[in-house]
Structures are given as C-alpha cells and as structure tokens.
C-alpha cells in the first residue's frame, strides 16, 4: 500500500475517491468493503436455503435469479407483501 501511489496511480486515485466500499444504508459512515458486502449477500442466500443445488440446474438458477430474495432496500419487506409475492411466484 505504501507504494500504491507510485506504482498504480489510477488505483490510488480510486481509493482516494472511496471507490472500494458499498453503502448499504442511508446512514452516514455505514459503508463497508466490497468483499464484506459480497459475503453478507452470500450469507443471506445461504440462510434462505434456496441456493442449494442452483449451479447444477440452469433453469433453477434462472428462476431463483428472478424470484429469489432481495435486500430490504430494494423491496417492500412487510409480511403481507412477502406473502403475496410468494403466492404469485
């Protein structure tokens, strides 16, 4: 890291612009590293139990991509909305 500015100036500039973090909430100072965000999303998928065996079936993977879980900021998470969504799927 100490030689990043000299060896890879473009990447150094990206770090200065905070292009290595993800903002998952509207709260200030709540950004996390991109790899940590990926791990959290993987945990959500695994906890849901729907990801098991998806890589073995292209059809199942496509269905899951369309109807699988989303993060709370992307979909209304009220229980009634979730029930209606599951019924429709």
PDB file of N, CA and C in Angstrom:
ATOM      1  N   UNK A   1       0.825  -1.197   0.000  1.00  0.00           N
ATOM      2  CA  UNK A   1       0.000   0.000   0.000  1.00  0.00           C
ATOM      3  C   UNK A   1       0.865   1.254   0.000  1.00  0.00           C
ATOM      4  N   UNK A   2       2.018   1.170   0.620  1.00  0.00           N
ATOM      5  CA  UNK A   2       2.855   2.368   0.702  1.00  0.00           C
ATOM      6  C   UNK A   2       3.382   2.805  -0.662  1.00  0.00           C
ATOM      7  N   UNK A   3       3.461   1.894  -1.619  1.00  0.00           N
ATOM      8  CA  UNK A   3       3.950   2.256  -2.951  1.00  0.00           C
ATOM      9  C   UNK A   3       2.825   2.373  -3.982  1.00  0.00           C
ATOM     10  N   UNK A   4       1.587   2.256  -3.555  1.00  0.00           N
ATOM     11  CA  UNK A   4       0.460   2.263  -4.482  1.00  0.00           C
ATOM     12  C   UNK A   4       0.404   3.539  -5.317  1.00  0.00           C
ATOM     13  N   UNK A   5       0.615   4.680  -4.700  1.00  0.00           N
ATOM     14  CA  UNK A   5       0.556   5.951  -5.422  1.00  0.00           C
ATOM     15  C   UNK A   5       1.587   5.993  -6.550  1.00  0.00           C
ATOM     16  N   UNK A   6       2.729   5.449  -6.315  1.00  0.00           N
ATOM     17  CA  UNK A   6       3.807   5.470  -7.307  1.00  0.00           C
ATOM     18  C   UNK A   6       3.616   4.381  -8.360  1.00  0.00           C
ATOM     19  N   UNK A   7       3.267   3.170  -7.938  1.00  0.00           N
ATOM     20  CA  UNK A   7       3.201   2.023  -8.840  1.00  0.00           C
ATOM     21  C   UNK A   7       1.905   1.994  -9.652  1.00  0.00           C
ATOM     22  N   UNK A   8       0.783   2.303  -9.003  1.00  0.00           N
ATOM     23  CA  UNK A   8      -0.531   2.268  -9.667  1.00  0.00           C
ATOM     24  C   UNK A   8      -1.304   3.539  -9.335  1.00  0.00           C
ATOM     25  N   UNK A   9      -0.948   4.656  -9.924  1.00  0.00           N
ATOM     26  CA  UNK A   9      -1.582   5.930  -9.578  1.00  0.00           C
ATOM     27  C   UNK A   9      -3.097   5.961  -9.826  1.00  0.00           C
ATOM     28  N   UNK A  10      -3.575   5.274 -10.846  1.00  0.00           N
ATOM     29  CA  UNK A  10      -5.013   5.262 -11.127  1.00  0.00           C
ATOM     30  C   UNK A  10      -5.784   4.559 -10.009  1.00  0.00           C
ATOM     31  N   UNK A  11      -5.255   3.446  -9.542  1.00  0.00           N
ATOM     32  CA  UNK A  11      -5.896   2.727  -8.437  1.00  0.00           C
ATOM     33  C   UNK A  11      -5.824   3.554  -7.162  1.00  0.00           C
ATOM     34  N   UNK A  12      -4.713   4.211  -6.955  1.00  0.00           N
ATOM     35  CA  UNK A  12      -4.563   5.090  -5.791  1.00  0.00           C
ATOM     36  C   UNK A  12      -5.652   6.159  -5.789  1.00  0.00           C
ATOM     37  N   UNK A  13      -5.918   6.749  -6.937  1.00  0.00           N
ATOM     38  CA  UNK A  13      -6.962   7.784  -7.054  1.00  0.00           C
ATOM     39  C   UNK A  13      -8.343   7.206  -6.737  1.00  0.00           C
ATOM     40  N   UNK A  14      -8.585   5.979  -7.163  1.00  0.00           N
ATOM     41  CA  UNK A  14      -9.864   5.328  -6.856  1.00  0.00           C
ATOM     42  C   UNK A  14     -10.030   5.155  -5.352  1.00  0.00           C
ATOM     43  N   UNK A  15      -8.979   4.770  -4.669  1.00  0.00           N
ATOM     44  CA  UNK A  15      -9.030   4.659  -3.209  1.00  0.00           C
ATOM     45  C   UNK A  15      -9.343   6.005  -2.572  1.00  0.00           C
ATOM     46  N   UNK A  16      -8.722   7.063  -3.073  1.00  0.00           N
ATOM     47  CA  UNK A  16      -8.969   8.396  -2.524  1.00  0.00           C
ATOM     48  C   UNK A  16     -10.427   8.823  -2.707  1.00  0.00           C
ATOM     49  N   UNK A  17     -11.062   8.335  -3.773  1.00  0.00           N
ATOM     50  CA  UNK A  17     -12.465   8.665  -4.056  1.00  0.00           C
ATOM     51  C   UNK A  17     -13.444   7.699  -3.373  1.00  0.00           C
ATOM     52  N   UNK A  18     -12.945   6.809  -2.531  1.00  0.00           N
ATOM     53  CA  UNK A  18     -13.757   5.821  -1.799  1.00  0.00           C
ATOM     54  C   UNK A  18     -14.481   4.845  -2.713  1.00  0.00           C
ATOM     55  N   UNK A  19     -13.875   4.482  -3.834  1.00  0.00           N
ATOM     56  CA  UNK A  19     -14.490   3.545  -4.766  1.00  0.00           C
ATOM     57  C   UNK A  19     -14.136   2.099  -4.436  1.00  0.00           C
ATOM     58  N   UNK A  20     -14.043   1.802  -3.160  1.00  0.00           N
ATOM     59  CA  UNK A  20     -13.738   0.439  -2.725  1.00  0.00           C
ATOM     60  C   UNK A  20     -14.709  -0.008  -1.642  1.00  0.00           C
ATOM     61  N   UNK A  21     -15.790   0.745  -1.474  1.00  0.00           N
ATOM     62  CA  UNK A  21     -16.768   0.441  -0.438  1.00  0.00           C
ATOM     63  C   UNK A  21     -18.177   0.442  -1.024  1.00  0.00           C
ATOM     64  N   UNK A  22     -19.115  -0.132  -0.270  1.00  0.00           N
ATOM     65  CA  UNK A  22     -20.514  -0.204  -0.652  1.00  0.00           C
ATOM     66  C   UNK A  22     -21.333   0.459   0.441  1.00  0.00           C
ATOM     67  N   UNK A  23     -22.300   1.252   0.047  1.00  0.00           N
ATOM     68  CA  UNK A  23     -23.198   1.881   1.017  1.00  0.00           C
ATOM     69  C   UNK A  23     -24.501   1.093   1.010  1.00  0.00           C
ATOM     70  N   UNK A  24     -24.786   0.410   2.124  1.00  0.00           N
ATOM     71  CA  UNK A  24     -25.974  -0.442   2.193  1.00  0.00           C
ATOM     72  C   UNK A  24     -27.151   0.233   2.898  1.00  0.00           C
ATOM     73  N   UNK A  25     -26.899   1.345   3.574  1.00  0.00           N
ATOM     74  CA  UNK A  25     -27.969   2.063   4.262  1.00  0.00           C
ATOM     75  C   UNK A  25     -27.853   3.551   3.959  1.00  0.00           C
ATOM     76  N   UNK A  26     -28.822   4.314   4.433  1.00  0.00           N
ATOM     77  CA  UNK A  26     -28.788   5.765   4.240  1.00  0.00           C
ATOM     78  C   UNK A  26     -28.006   6.457   5.350  1.00  0.00           C
ATOM     79  N   UNK A  27     -27.569   5.707   6.344  1.00  0.00           N
ATOM     80  CA  UNK A  27     -26.865   6.281   7.486  1.00  0.00           C
ATOM     81  C   UNK A  27     -25.441   6.692   7.114  1.00  0.00           C
ATOM     82  N   UNK A  28     -25.026   7.826   7.660  1.00  0.00           N
ATOM     83  CA  UNK A  28     -23.656   8.283   7.432  1.00  0.00           C
ATOM     84  C   UNK A  28     -22.669   7.306   8.070  1.00  0.00           C
ATOM     85  N   UNK A  29     -21.529   7.161   7.466  1.00  0.00           N
ATOM     86  CA  UNK A  29     -20.444   6.318   7.968  1.00  0.00           C
ATOM     87  C   UNK A  29     -20.839   4.847   8.074  1.00  0.00           C
ATOM     88  N   UNK A  30     -21.682   4.374   7.170  1.00  0.00           N
ATOM     89  CA  UNK A  30     -22.104   2.976   7.231  1.00  0.00           C
ATOM     90  C   UNK A  30     -21.570   2.163   6.063  1.00  0.00           C
ATOM     91  N   UNK A  31     -20.614   2.681   5.335  1.00  0.00           N
ATOM     92  CA  UNK A  31     -20.068   1.958   4.188  1.00  0.00           C
ATOM     93  C   UNK A  31     -19.189   0.791   4.658  1.00  0.00           C
ATOM     94  N   UNK A  32     -19.201  -0.284   3.853  1.00  0.00           N
ATOM     95  CA  UNK A  32     -18.379  -1.448   4.168  1.00  0.00           C
ATOM     96  C   UNK A  32     -17.603  -1.857   2.923  1.00  0.00           C
ATOM     97  N   UNK A  33     -16.547  -2.617   3.106  1.00  0.00           N
ATOM     98  CA  UNK A  33     -15.725  -3.079   1.987  1.00  0.00           C
ATOM     99  C   UNK A  33     -16.553  -3.949   1.047  1.00  0.00           C
ATOM    100  N   UNK A  34     -16.238  -3.878  -0.233  1.00  0.00           N
ATOM    101  CA  UNK A  34     -16.996  -4.616  -1.248  1.00  0.00           C
ATOM    102  C   UNK A  34     -16.997  -6.119  -0.963  1.00  0.00           C
ATOM    103  N   UNK A  35     -15.850  -6.678  -0.582  1.00  0.00           N
ATOM    104  CA  UNK A  35     -15.812  -8.116  -0.321  1.00  0.00           C
ATOM    105  C   UNK A  35     -16.665  -8.485   0.886  1.00  0.00           C
ATOM    106  N   UNK A  36     -16.757  -7.607   1.874  1.00  0.00           N
ATOM    107  CA  UNK A  36     -17.615  -7.866   3.035  1.00  0.00           C
ATOM    108  C   UNK A  36     -19.086  -7.839   2.618  1.00  0.00           C
ATOM    109  N   UNK A  37     -19.446  -6.918   1.746  1.00  0.00           N
ATOM    110  CA  UNK A  37     -20.823  -6.860   1.252  1.00  0.00           C
ATOM    111  C   UNK A  37     -21.175  -8.135   0.487  1.00  0.00           C
ATOM    112  N   UNK A  38     -20.238  -8.640  -0.308  1.00  0.00           N
ATOM    113  CA  UNK A  38     -20.472  -9.898  -1.035  1.00  0.00           C
ATOM    114  C   UNK A  38     -20.694 -11.047  -0.051  1.00  0.00           C
ATOM    115  N   UNK A  39     -19.868 -11.103   0.984  1.00  0.00           N
ATOM    116  CA  UNK A  39     -20.012 -12.167   1.980  1.00  0.00           C
ATOM    117  C   UNK A  39     -21.362 -12.081   2.690  1.00  0.00           C
ATOM    118  N   UNK A  40     -21.804 -10.868   3.004  1.00  0.00           N
ATOM    119  CA  UNK A  40     -23.111 -10.703   3.645  1.00  0.00           C
ATOM    120  C   UNK A  40     -24.223 -11.160   2.722  1.00  0.00           C
ATOM    121  N   UNK A  41     -24.136 -10.818   1.446  1.00  0.00           N
ATOM    122  CA  UNK A  41     -25.161 -11.257   0.497  1.00  0.00           C
ATOM    123  C   UNK A  41     -25.144 -12.773   0.329  1.00  0.00           C
ATOM    124  N   UNK A  42     -23.955 -13.374   0.315  1.00  0.00           N
ATOM    125  CA  UNK A  42     -23.865 -14.839   0.243  1.00  0.00           C
ATOM    126  C   UNK A  42     -24.523 -15.481   1.458  1.00  0.00           C
ATOM    127  N   UNK A  43     -24.321 -14.890   2.634  1.00  0.00           N
ATOM    128  CA  UNK A  43     -24.929 -15.424   3.854  1.00  0.00           C
ATOM    129  C   UNK A  43     -26.449 -15.347   3.784  1.00  0.00           C
ATOM    130  N   UNK A  44     -26.975 -14.257   3.227  1.00  0.00           N
ATOM    131  CA  UNK A  44     -28.434 -14.110   3.088  1.00  0.00           C
ATOM    132  C   UNK A  44     -28.977 -15.214   2.191  1.00  0.00           C
ATOM    133  N   UNK A  45     -28.297 -15.467   1.090  1.00  0.00           N
ATOM    134  CA  UNK A  45     -28.737 -16.502   0.151  1.00  0.00           C
ATOM    135  C   UNK A  45     -28.692 -17.873   0.805  1.00  0.00           C
ATOM    136  N   UNK A  46     -27.614 -18.170   1.503  1.00  0.00           N
ATOM    137  CA  UNK A  46     -27.479 -19.480   2.139  1.00  0.00           C
ATOM    138  C   UNK A  46     -28.476 -19.663   3.273  1.00  0.00           C
ATOM    139  N   UNK A  47     -28.726 -18.604   4.042  1.00  0.00           N
ATOM    140  CA  UNK A  47     -29.704 -18.692   5.132  1.00  0.00           C
ATOM    141  C   UNK A  47     -31.097 -18.957   4.601  1.00  0.00           C
ATOM    142  N   UNK A  48     -31.382 -18.426   3.424  1.00  0.00           N
ATOM    143  CA  UNK A  48     -32.698 -18.603   2.827  1.00  0.00           C
ATOM    144  C   UNK A  48     -32.918 -20.046   2.391  1.00  0.00           C
ATOM    145  N   UNK A  49     -31.837 -20.798   2.170  1.00  0.00           N
ATOM    146  CA  UNK A  49     -31.942 -22.201   1.805  1.00  0.00           C
ATOM    147  C   UNK A  49     -32.251 -22.459   0.356  1.00  0.00           C
ATOM    148  N   UNK A  50     -32.406 -21.404  -0.435  1.00  0.00           N
ATOM    149  CA  UNK A  50     -32.792 -21.588  -1.826  1.00  0.00           C
ATOM    150  C   UNK A  50     -31.608 -21.754  -2.763  1.00  0.00           C
ATOM    151  N   UNK A  51     -30.393 -21.524  -2.304  1.00  0.00           N
ATOM    152  CA  UNK A  51     -29.240 -21.535  -3.197  1.00  0.00           C
ATOM    153  C   UNK A  51     -28.642 -22.923  -3.377  1.00  0.00           C
ATOM    154  N   UNK A  52     -29.085 -23.874  -2.608  1.00  0.00           N
ATOM    155  CA  UNK A  52     -28.501 -25.210  -2.664  1.00  0.00           C
ATOM    156  C   UNK A  52     -28.861 -25.878  -3.991  1.00  0.00           C
ATOM    157  N   UNK A  53     -27.842 -26.306  -4.726  1.00  0.00           N
ATOM    158  CA  UNK A  53     -28.052 -27.013  -5.979  1.00  0.00           C
ATOM    159  C   UNK A  53     -28.317 -26.131  -7.189  1.00  0.00           C
ATOM    160  N   UNK A  54     -28.277 -24.830  -7.030  1.00  0.00           N
ATOM    161  CA  UNK A  54     -28.594 -23.944  -8.145  1.00  0.00           C
ATOM    162  C   UNK A  54     -27.597 -24.038  -9.289  1.00  0.00           C
ATOM    163  N   UNK A  55     -26.339 -24.253  -8.972  1.00  0.00           N
ATOM    164  CA  UNK A  55     -25.335 -24.296 -10.025  1.00  0.00           C
ATOM    165  C   UNK A  55     -25.440 -25.553 -10.868  1.00  0.00           C
ATOM    166  N   UNK A  56     -26.195 -26.533 -10.410  1.00  0.00           N
ATOM    167  CA  UNK A  56     -26.349 -27.777 -11.158  1.00  0.00           C
ATOM    168  C   UNK A  56     -27.505 -27.714 -12.142  1.00  0.00           C
ATOM    169  N   UNK A  57     -28.361 -26.701 -12.016  1.00  0.00           N
ATOM    170  CA  UNK A  57     -29.531 -26.601 -12.882  1.00  0.00           C
ATOM    171  C   UNK A  57     -29.686 -25.171 -13.393  1.00  0.00           C
ATOM    172  N   UNK A  58     -29.405 -24.937 -14.684  1.00  0.00           N
ATOM    173  CA  UNK A  58     -29.561 -23.587 -15.231  1.00  0.00           C
ATOM    174  C   UNK A  58     -30.982 -23.042 -15.080  1.00  0.00           C
ATOM    175  N   UNK A  59     -31.974 -23.899 -15.215  1.00  0.00           N
ATOM    176  CA  UNK A  59     -33.360 -23.466 -15.066  1.00  0.00           C
ATOM    177  C   UNK A  59     -33.638 -23.006 -13.635  1.00  0.00           C
ATOM    178  N   UNK A  60     -33.166 -23.775 -12.660  1.00  0.00           N
ATOM    179  CA  UNK A  60     -33.365 -23.398 -11.259  1.00  0.00           C
ATOM    180  C   UNK A  60     -32.634 -22.103 -10.939  1.00  0.00           C
ATOM    181  N   UNK A  61     -31.443 -21.935 -11.485  1.00  0.00           N
ATOM    182  CA  UNK A  61     -30.682 -20.707 -11.253  1.00  0.00           C
ATOM    183  C   UNK A  61     -31.418 -19.503 -11.829  1.00  0.00           C
ATOM    184  N   UNK A  62     -31.927 -19.622 -13.039  1.00  0.00           N
ATOM    185  CA  UNK A  62     -32.663 -18.512 -13.642  1.00  0.00           C
ATOM    186  C   UNK A  62     -33.921 -18.184 -12.842  1.00  0.00           C
ATOM    187  N   UNK A  63     -34.637 -19.201 -12.391  1.00  0.00           N
ATOM    188  CA  UNK A  63     -35.848 -18.970 -11.592  1.00  0.00           C
ATOM    189  C   UNK A  63     -35.497 -18.261 -10.295  1.00  0.00           C
ATOM    190  N   UNK A  64     -34.412 -18.700  -9.648  1.00  0.00           N
ATOM    191  CA  UNK A  64     -34.008 -18.087  -8.394  1.00  0.00           C
ATOM    192  C   UNK A  64     -33.576 -16.638  -8.605  1.00  0.00           C
ATOM    193  N   UNK A  65     -32.893 -16.364  -9.727  1.00  0.00           N
ATOM    194  CA  UNK A  65     -32.451 -15.002 -10.009  1.00  0.00           C
ATOM    195  C   UNK A  65     -33.636 -14.053 -10.149  1.00  0.00           C
ATOM    196  N   UNK A  66     -34.736 -14.547 -10.681  1.00  0.00           N
ATOM    197  CA  UNK A  66     -35.927 -13.726 -10.867  1.00  0.00           C
ATOM    198  C   UNK A  66     -36.732 -13.611  -9.583  1.00  0.00           C
ATOM    199  N   UNK A  67     -36.850 -14.702  -8.843  1.00  0.00           N
ATOM    200  CA  UNK A  67     -37.757 -14.707  -7.695  1.00  0.00           C
ATOM    201  C   UNK A  67     -37.066 -14.828  -6.347  1.00  0.00           C
ATOM    202  N   UNK A  68     -35.736 -14.863  -6.329  1.00  0.00           N
ATOM    203  CA  UNK A  68     -35.004 -15.026  -5.072  1.00  0.00           C
ATOM    204  C   UNK A  68     -35.055 -13.790  -4.198  1.00  0.00           C
ATOM    205  N   UNK A  69     -34.467 -13.873  -3.019  1.00  0.00           N
ATOM    206  CA  UNK A  69     -34.525 -12.772  -2.061  1.00  0.00           C
ATOM    207  C   UNK A  69     -33.752 -11.552  -2.540  1.00  0.00           C
ATOM    208  N   UNK A  70     -34.216 -10.395  -2.131  1.00  0.00           N
ATOM    209  CA  UNK A  70     -33.536  -9.139  -2.415  1.00  0.00           C
ATOM    210  C   UNK A  70     -33.230  -8.468  -1.101  1.00  0.00           C
ATOM    211  N   UNK A  71     -32.364  -7.475  -1.133  1.00  0.00           N
ATOM    212  CA  UNK A  71     -32.049  -6.756   0.092  1.00  0.00           C
ATOM    213  C   UNK A  71     -33.220  -5.867   0.477  1.00  0.00           C
ATOM    214  N   UNK A  72     -33.393  -5.563   1.764  1.00  0.00           N
ATOM    215  CA  UNK A  72     -34.547  -4.795   2.232  1.00  0.00           C
ATOM    216  C   UNK A  72     -34.722  -3.451   1.552  1.00  0.00           C
ATOM    217  N   UNK A  73     -33.672  -2.797   1.121  1.00  0.00           N
ATOM    218  CA  UNK A  73     -33.836  -1.503   0.496  1.00  0.00           C
ATOM    219  C   UNK A  73     -34.319  -1.603  -0.949  1.00  0.00           C
ATOM    220  N   UNK A  74     -34.455  -2.812  -1.498  1.00  0.00           N
ATOM    221  CA  UNK A  74     -34.901  -2.987  -2.870  1.00  0.00           C
ATOM    222  C   UNK A  74     -36.374  -3.409  -2.957  1.00  0.00           C
ATOM    223  N   UNK A  75     -36.954  -3.900  -1.906  1.00  0.00           N
ATOM    224  CA  UNK A  75     -38.327  -4.407  -1.964  1.00  0.00           C
ATOM    225  C   UNK A  75     -39.013  -4.121  -0.639  1.00  0.00           C
ATOM    226  N   UNK A  76     -40.282  -3.851  -0.726  1.00  0.00           N
ATOM    227  CA  UNK A  76     -41.074  -3.641   0.478  1.00  0.00           C
ATOM    228  C   UNK A  76     -41.066  -4.933   1.288  1.00  0.00           C
ATOM    229  N   UNK A  77     -40.631  -4.881   2.539  1.00  0.00           N
ATOM    230  CA  UNK A  77     -40.433  -6.085   3.335  1.00  0.00           C
ATOM    231  C   UNK A  77     -41.566  -6.360   4.321  1.00  0.00           C
ATOM    232  N   UNK A  78     -42.704  -5.727   4.144  1.00  0.00           N
ATOM    233  CA  UNK A  78     -43.835  -6.050   5.025  1.00  0.00           C
ATOM    234  C   UNK A  78     -44.267  -7.493   4.794  1.00  0.00           C
ATOM    235  N   UNK A  79     -44.729  -8.130   5.855  1.00  0.00           N
ATOM    236  CA  UNK A  79     -45.103  -9.542   5.771  1.00  0.00           C
ATOM    237  C   UNK A  79     -46.186  -9.764   4.709  1.00  0.00           C
ATOM    238  N   UNK A  80     -47.149  -8.875   4.618  1.00  0.00           N
ATOM    239  CA  UNK A  80     -48.222  -9.041   3.631  1.00  0.00           C
ATOM    240  C   UNK A  80     -47.665  -9.010   2.202  1.00  0.00           C
ATOM    241  N   UNK A  81     -46.689  -8.151   1.956  1.00  0.00           N
ATOM    242  CA  UNK A  81     -46.077  -8.074   0.628  1.00  0.00           C
ATOM    243  C   UNK A  81     -45.298  -9.338   0.331  1.00  0.00           C
ATOM    244  N   UNK A  82     -44.570  -9.856   1.308  1.00  0.00           N
ATOM    245  CA  UNK A  82     -43.818 -11.079   1.112  1.00  0.00           C
ATOM    246  C   UNK A  82     -44.741 -12.253   0.831  1.00  0.00           C
ATOM    247  N   UNK A  83     -45.842 -12.356   1.567  1.00  0.00           N
ATOM    248  CA  UNK A  83     -46.792 -13.454   1.355  1.00  0.00           C
ATOM    249  C   UNK A  83     -47.404 -13.385  -0.043  1.00  0.00           C
ATOM    250  N   UNK A  84     -47.787 -12.177  -0.473  1.00  0.00           N
ATOM    251  CA  UNK A  84     -48.378 -12.012  -1.793  1.00  0.00           C
ATOM    252  C   UNK A  84     -47.362 -12.385  -2.889  1.00  0.00           C
ATOM    253  N   UNK A  85     -46.112 -11.975  -2.691  1.00  0.00           N
ATOM    254  CA  UNK A  85     -45.060 -12.296  -3.648  1.00  0.00           C
ATOM    255  C   UNK A  85     -44.850 -13.802  -3.750  1.00  0.00           C
ATOM    256  N   UNK A  86     -44.757 -14.482  -2.603  1.00  0.00           N
ATOM    257  CA  UNK A  86     -44.564 -15.930  -2.610  1.00  0.00           C
ATOM    258  C   UNK A  86     -45.737 -16.655  -3.253  1.00  0.00           C
ATOM    259  N   UNK A  87     -46.942 -16.154  -3.002  1.00  0.00           N
ATOM    260  CA  UNK A  87     -48.121 -16.757  -3.610  1.00  0.00           C
ATOM    261  C   UNK A  87     -48.080 -16.604  -5.136  1.00  0.00           C
ATOM    262  N   UNK A  88     -47.676 -15.423  -5.607  1.00  0.00           N
ATOM    263  CA  UNK A  88     -47.608 -15.169  -7.036  1.00  0.00           C
ATOM    264  C   UNK A  88     -46.527 -15.978  -7.722  1.00  0.00           C
ATOM    265  N   UNK A  89     -45.423 -16.222  -7.009  1.00  0.00           N
ATOM    266  CA  UNK A  89     -44.321 -16.988  -7.605  1.00  0.00           C
ATOM    267  C   UNK A  89     -44.733 -18.434  -7.728  1.00  0.00           C
TER     268      UNK A  89
END
